[in-house]
C-alpha atoms as a PDB file:
ATOM      1  CA  MET A   1     -27.478  76.186 -28.465  1.00  0.00           C
ATOM      2  CA  ALA A   2     -28.778  72.873 -29.797  1.00  0.00           C
ATOM      3  CA  ASP A   3     -32.310  72.658 -31.147  1.00  0.00           C
ATOM      4  CA  ILE A   4     -34.202  69.768 -29.477  1.00  0.00           C
ATOM      5  CA  SER A   5     -37.576  68.677 -30.827  1.00  0.00           C
ATOM      6  CA  LEU A   6     -39.941  65.814 -30.047  1.00  0.00           C
ATOM      7  CA  GLU A   7     -42.120  64.026 -32.566  1.00  0.00           C
ATOM      8  CA  ARG A   8     -44.833  61.511 -31.791  1.00  0.00           C
ATOM      9  CA  VAL A   9     -44.347  58.448 -33.980  1.00  0.00           C
ATOM     10  CA  ALA A  10     -47.533  57.085 -35.501  1.00  0.00           C
ATOM     11  CA  ASP A  11     -47.292  54.279 -38.011  1.00  0.00           C
ATOM     12  CA  GLN A  12     -43.798  54.377 -39.464  1.00  0.00           C
ATOM     13  CA  LEU A  13     -40.260  54.578 -38.163  1.00  0.00           C
ATOM     14  CA  PRO A  14     -38.909  58.103 -37.804  1.00  0.00           C
ATOM     15  CA  THR A  15     -36.384  59.634 -40.172  1.00  0.00           C
ATOM     16  CA  GLY A  16     -32.886  58.575 -39.142  1.00  0.00           C
ATOM     17  CA  PHE A  17     -33.983  55.359 -37.462  1.00  0.00           C
ATOM     18  CA  ALA A  18     -31.439  53.197 -39.330  1.00  0.00           C
ATOM     19  CA  GLU A  19     -28.550  55.229 -37.885  1.00  0.00           C
ATOM     20  CA  LEU A  20     -30.015  55.037 -34.367  1.00  0.00           C
ATOM     21  CA  GLU A  21     -30.556  51.283 -34.726  1.00  0.00           C
ATOM     22  CA  ALA A  22     -26.961  50.799 -35.933  1.00  0.00           C
ATOM     23  CA  ASP A  23     -25.672  52.768 -32.928  1.00  0.00           C
ATOM     24  CA  ALA A  24     -27.787  50.662 -30.552  1.00  0.00           C
ATOM     25  CA  ILE A  25     -26.485  47.425 -32.078  1.00  0.00           C
ATOM     26  CA  ALA A  26     -22.887  48.691 -31.848  1.00  0.00           C
ATOM     27  CA  ASP A  27     -23.631  49.521 -28.184  1.00  0.00           C
ATOM     28  CA  GLY A  28     -24.827  45.931 -27.582  1.00  0.00           C
ATOM     29  CA  HIS A  29     -28.582  46.528 -27.685  1.00  0.00           C
ATOM     30  CA  GLN A  30     -31.055  44.750 -29.969  1.00  0.00           C
ATOM     31  CA  HIS A  31     -34.236  46.481 -28.803  1.00  0.00           C
ATOM     32  CA  LYS A  32     -34.352  48.955 -31.697  1.00  0.00           C
ATOM     33  CA  THR A  33     -34.605  45.992 -34.064  1.00  0.00           C
ATOM     34  CA  ARG A  34     -37.483  44.673 -31.920  1.00  0.00           C
ATOM     35  CA  LEU A  35     -39.140  48.092 -31.971  1.00  0.00           C
ATOM     36  CA  ALA A  36     -38.998  48.157 -35.778  1.00  0.00           C
ATOM     37  CA  ALA A  37     -40.551  44.685 -35.988  1.00  0.00           C
ATOM     38  CA  GLU A  38     -43.262  45.483 -33.422  1.00  0.00           C
ATOM     39  CA  LEU A  39     -44.207  48.733 -35.131  1.00  0.00           C
ATOM     40  CA  THR A  40     -44.625  46.813 -38.394  1.00  0.00           C
ATOM     41  CA  GLU A  41     -46.344  43.694 -37.017  1.00  0.00           C
ATOM     42  CA  THR A  42     -48.319  44.870 -33.978  1.00  0.00           C
ATOM     43  CA  PRO A  43     -48.449  48.689 -33.873  1.00  0.00           C
ATOM     44  CA  ALA A  44     -51.538  48.669 -31.639  1.00  0.00           C
ATOM     45  CA  ILE A  45     -49.441  47.539 -28.647  1.00  0.00           C
ATOM     46  CA  PHE A  46     -48.009  51.048 -28.331  1.00  0.00           C
ATOM     47  CA  HIS A  47     -49.765  53.736 -26.322  1.00  0.00           C
ATOM     48  CA  ALA A  48     -47.136  56.177 -27.544  1.00  0.00           C
ATOM     49  CA  ILE A  49     -43.740  56.373 -29.211  1.00  0.00           C
ATOM     50  CA  TYR A  50     -41.675  59.549 -29.162  1.00  0.00           C
ATOM     51  CA  ALA A  51     -38.630  60.366 -31.248  1.00  0.00           C
ATOM     52  CA  CYS A  52     -36.309  63.128 -30.144  1.00  0.00           C
ATOM     53  CA  TYR A  53     -34.263  65.127 -32.615  1.00  0.00           C
ATOM     54  CA  LEU A  54     -31.214  67.237 -31.896  1.00  0.00           C
ATOM     55  CA  ASP A  55     -30.368  69.650 -34.682  1.00  0.00           C
ATOM     56  CA  ASN A  56     -32.578  67.584 -37.019  1.00  0.00           C
ATOM     57  CA  ARG A  57     -30.788  64.262 -36.287  1.00  0.00           C
ATOM     58  CA  LEU A  58     -32.614  61.431 -34.541  1.00  0.00           C
ATOM     59  CA  ALA A  59     -30.978  61.393 -31.111  1.00  0.00           C
ATOM     60  CA  GLY A  60     -33.272  59.028 -29.208  1.00  0.00           C
ATOM     61  CA  ILE A  61     -36.555  57.183 -29.065  1.00  0.00           C
ATOM     62  CA  GLY A  62     -38.795  55.623 -26.434  1.00  0.00           C
ATOM     63  CA  ALA A  63     -42.137  53.862 -26.305  1.00  0.00           C
ATOM     64  CA  MET A  64     -44.927  52.962 -23.911  1.00  0.00           C
ATOM     65  CA  THR A  65     -46.951  49.736 -23.874  1.00  0.00           C
ATOM     66  CA  ASP A  66     -49.048  47.852 -21.371  1.00  0.00           C
ATOM     67  CA  GLU A  67     -46.903  46.213 -18.695  1.00  0.00           C
ATOM     68  CA  PRO A  68     -46.470  42.696 -20.143  1.00  0.00           C
ATOM     69  CA  ALA A  69     -46.187  40.947 -16.750  1.00  0.00           C
ATOM     70  CA  LEU A  70     -49.198  40.220 -14.579  1.00  0.00           C
ATOM     71  CA  ALA A  71     -49.512  43.268 -12.407  1.00  0.00           C
ATOM     72  CA  GLY A  72     -52.825  43.108 -10.545  1.00  0.00           C
ATOM     73  CA  GLN A  73     -53.966  46.465 -11.879  1.00  0.00           C
ATOM     74  CA  PRO A  74     -53.204  48.014 -15.268  1.00  0.00           C
ATOM     75  CA  LYS A  75     -49.727  49.479 -15.542  1.00  0.00           C
ATOM     76  CA  TRP A  76     -47.831  50.842 -18.518  1.00  0.00           C
ATOM     77  CA  ARG A  77     -44.179  50.141 -19.244  1.00  0.00           C
ATOM     78  CA  MET A  78     -41.621  52.449 -20.786  1.00  0.00           C
ATOM     79  CA  ARG A  79     -39.638  50.385 -23.250  1.00  0.00           C
ATOM     80  CA  ARG A  80     -37.466  50.355 -26.349  1.00  0.00           C
ATOM     81  CA  PHE A  81     -35.816  53.438 -24.854  1.00  0.00           C
ATOM     82  CA  TYR A  82     -32.503  54.450 -26.401  1.00  0.00           C
ATOM     83  CA  GLY A  83     -30.369  57.540 -26.779  1.00  0.00           C
ATOM     84  CA  HIS A  84     -27.661  57.686 -29.442  1.00  0.00           C
ATOM     85  CA  ARG A  85     -24.231  57.532 -27.772  1.00  0.00           C
ATOM     86  CA  GLU A  86     -23.194  60.759 -29.494  1.00  0.00           C
ATOM     87  CA  PHE A  87     -26.056  62.656 -27.852  1.00  0.00           C
ATOM     88  CA  ARG A  88     -26.072  61.337 -24.302  1.00  0.00           C
ATOM     89  CA  ARG A  89     -26.126  63.705 -21.347  1.00  0.00           C
ATOM     90  CA  ARG A  90     -27.961  66.327 -23.384  1.00  0.00           C
ATOM     91  CA  THR A  91     -31.500  65.970 -21.912  1.00  0.00           C
ATOM     92  CA  ILE A  92     -32.674  63.740 -24.789  1.00  0.00           C
ATOM     93  CA  ALA A  93     -33.756  60.885 -22.494  1.00  0.00           C
ATOM     94  CA  GLN A  94     -35.442  63.300 -20.091  1.00  0.00           C
ATOM     95  CA  ALA A  95     -37.428  64.878 -22.914  1.00  0.00           C
ATOM     96  CA  ILE A  96     -38.636  61.488 -24.171  1.00  0.00           C
ATOM     97  CA  ALA A  97     -39.463  60.227 -20.672  1.00  0.00           C
ATOM     98  CA  SER A  98     -41.386  63.420 -19.856  1.00  0.00           C
ATOM     99  CA  ALA A  99     -43.484  63.125 -23.019  1.00  0.00           C
ATOM    100  CA  LEU A 100     -44.268  59.474 -22.314  1.00  0.00           C
ATOM    101  CA  LEU A 101     -45.140  60.166 -18.672  1.00  0.00           C
ATOM    102  CA  GLN A 102     -47.406  63.002 -19.726  1.00  0.00           C
ATOM    103  CA  ASN A 103     -49.107  60.598 -22.122  1.00  0.00           C
ATOM    104  CA  ALA A 104     -49.662  58.102 -19.281  1.00  0.00           C
ATOM    105  CA  SER A 105     -50.978  60.702 -16.860  1.00  0.00           C
ATOM    106  CA  GLY A 106     -54.642  60.096 -16.153  1.00  0.00           C
ATOM    107  CA  SER A 107     -54.593  56.694 -17.856  1.00  0.00           C
ATOM    108  CA  VAL A 108     -52.773  54.481 -15.357  1.00  0.00           C
ATOM    109  CA  SER A 109     -51.691  54.770 -11.751  1.00  0.00           C
ATOM    110  CA  THR A 110     -48.236  53.237 -12.256  1.00  0.00           C
ATOM    111  CA  VAL A 111     -45.576  53.296 -14.961  1.00  0.00           C
ATOM    112  CA  THR A 112     -42.848  50.653 -14.911  1.00  0.00           C
ATOM    113  CA  VAL A 113     -39.439  50.213 -16.499  1.00  0.00           C
ATOM    114  CA  HIS A 114     -36.790  47.520 -16.584  1.00  0.00           C
ATOM    115  CA  ALA A 115     -33.417  49.222 -16.242  1.00  0.00           C
ATOM    116  CA  GLY A 116     -30.901  47.143 -18.136  1.00  0.00           C
ATOM    117  CA  ASN A 117     -27.869  48.372 -16.225  1.00  0.00           C
ATOM    118  CA  GLN A 118     -26.783  50.547 -13.308  1.00  0.00           C
ATOM    119  CA  THR A 119     -26.419  53.674 -15.460  1.00  0.00           C
ATOM    120  CA  ALA A 120     -30.008  53.288 -16.633  1.00  0.00           C
ATOM    121  CA  ALA A 121     -31.155  52.610 -13.058  1.00  0.00           C
ATOM    122  CA  ARG A 122     -29.583  55.893 -11.900  1.00  0.00           C
ATOM    123  CA  PHE A 123     -31.341  57.752 -14.730  1.00  0.00           C
ATOM    124  CA  TRP A 124     -34.760  56.321 -13.861  1.00  0.00           C
ATOM    125  CA  GLU A 125     -34.260  57.039 -10.162  1.00  0.00           C
ATOM    126  CA  ALA A 126     -33.202  60.626 -10.948  1.00  0.00           C
ATOM    127  CA  ILE A 127     -36.530  61.260 -12.691  1.00  0.00           C
ATOM    128  CA  GLY A 128     -38.720  59.871  -9.922  1.00  0.00           C
ATOM    129  CA  PHE A 129     -38.855  56.106 -10.390  1.00  0.00           C
ATOM    130  CA  ARG A 130     -38.257  53.943  -7.340  1.00  0.00           C
ATOM    131  CA  ARG A 131     -36.413  50.645  -7.332  1.00  0.00           C
ATOM    132  CA  VAL A 132     -38.543  47.550  -6.675  1.00  0.00           C
ATOM    133  CA  ALA A 133     -37.522  43.957  -6.061  1.00  0.00           C
ATOM    134  CA  GLY A 134     -39.056  40.632  -6.980  1.00  0.00           C
ATOM    135  CA  LEU A 135     -41.113  41.940  -9.900  1.00  0.00           C
ATOM    136  CA  ALA A 136     -40.780  41.667 -13.680  1.00  0.00           C
ATOM    137  CA  TRP A 137     -39.713  45.321 -13.745  1.00  0.00           C
ATOM    138  CA  SER A 138     -36.886  46.994 -11.846  1.00  0.00           C
ATOM    139  CA  HIS A 139     -38.434  50.412 -11.213  1.00  0.00           C
ATOM    140  CA  GLU A 140     -41.859  51.993 -11.024  1.00  0.00           C
ATOM    141  CA  ARG A 141     -43.354  55.422 -10.680  1.00  0.00           C
ATOM    142  CA  THR A 142     -46.741  56.277  -9.230  1.00  0.00           C
ATOM    143  CA  MET A 143     -48.484  58.833 -11.344  1.00  0.00           C
ATOM    144  CA  PRO A 144     -49.512  61.996  -9.461  1.00  0.00           C
ATOM    145  CA  ASP A 145     -53.175  61.795 -10.430  1.00  0.00           C
ATOM    146  CA  ALA A 146     -53.415  58.072  -9.751  1.00  0.00           C
ATOM    147  CA  THR A 147     -56.712  58.432  -7.897  1.00  0.00           C
ATOM    148  CA  ASN A 148     -58.323  59.706 -11.088  1.00  0.00           C
ATOM    149  CA  ALA A 149     -56.711  57.169 -13.432  1.00  0.00           C
ATOM    150  CA  ARG A 150     -59.143  55.481 -15.755  1.00  0.00           C
ATOM    151  CA  ARG A 151     -58.908  51.785 -16.550  1.00  0.00           C
ATOM    152  CA  THR A 152     -57.216  50.948 -19.835  1.00  0.00           C
END
């Protein structure tokens, strides 16, 4: 059985990031390059970043920031989310999303995401996000303890 572990990223890119970034670029995604730049230039924008390892190899990463679009009330957005193609369908994305949602619990009433494609949309919907239209994000999830959420 594979050994999955999560690590909260603080102030530097996790071990194995270059390989994950290369896989993302080969898969047509530039957001790992943006994540690297943001972590260097403006690390305070992140509420949390989690790296997921499978058998000691970086298999995926995801982050949480404030929702960048005007939203009326504070919302956080899951972003820079990516799972290495070699490790997909092995609960990596679920583990990262769960850690980020746990981090948001009690802090905001809504978490948003912009699904880049239909496969991503199905993933987000499978873990409790609902599709929305006409907003800067494609999906959102109301946090269970939203009535107790503190302002951020």
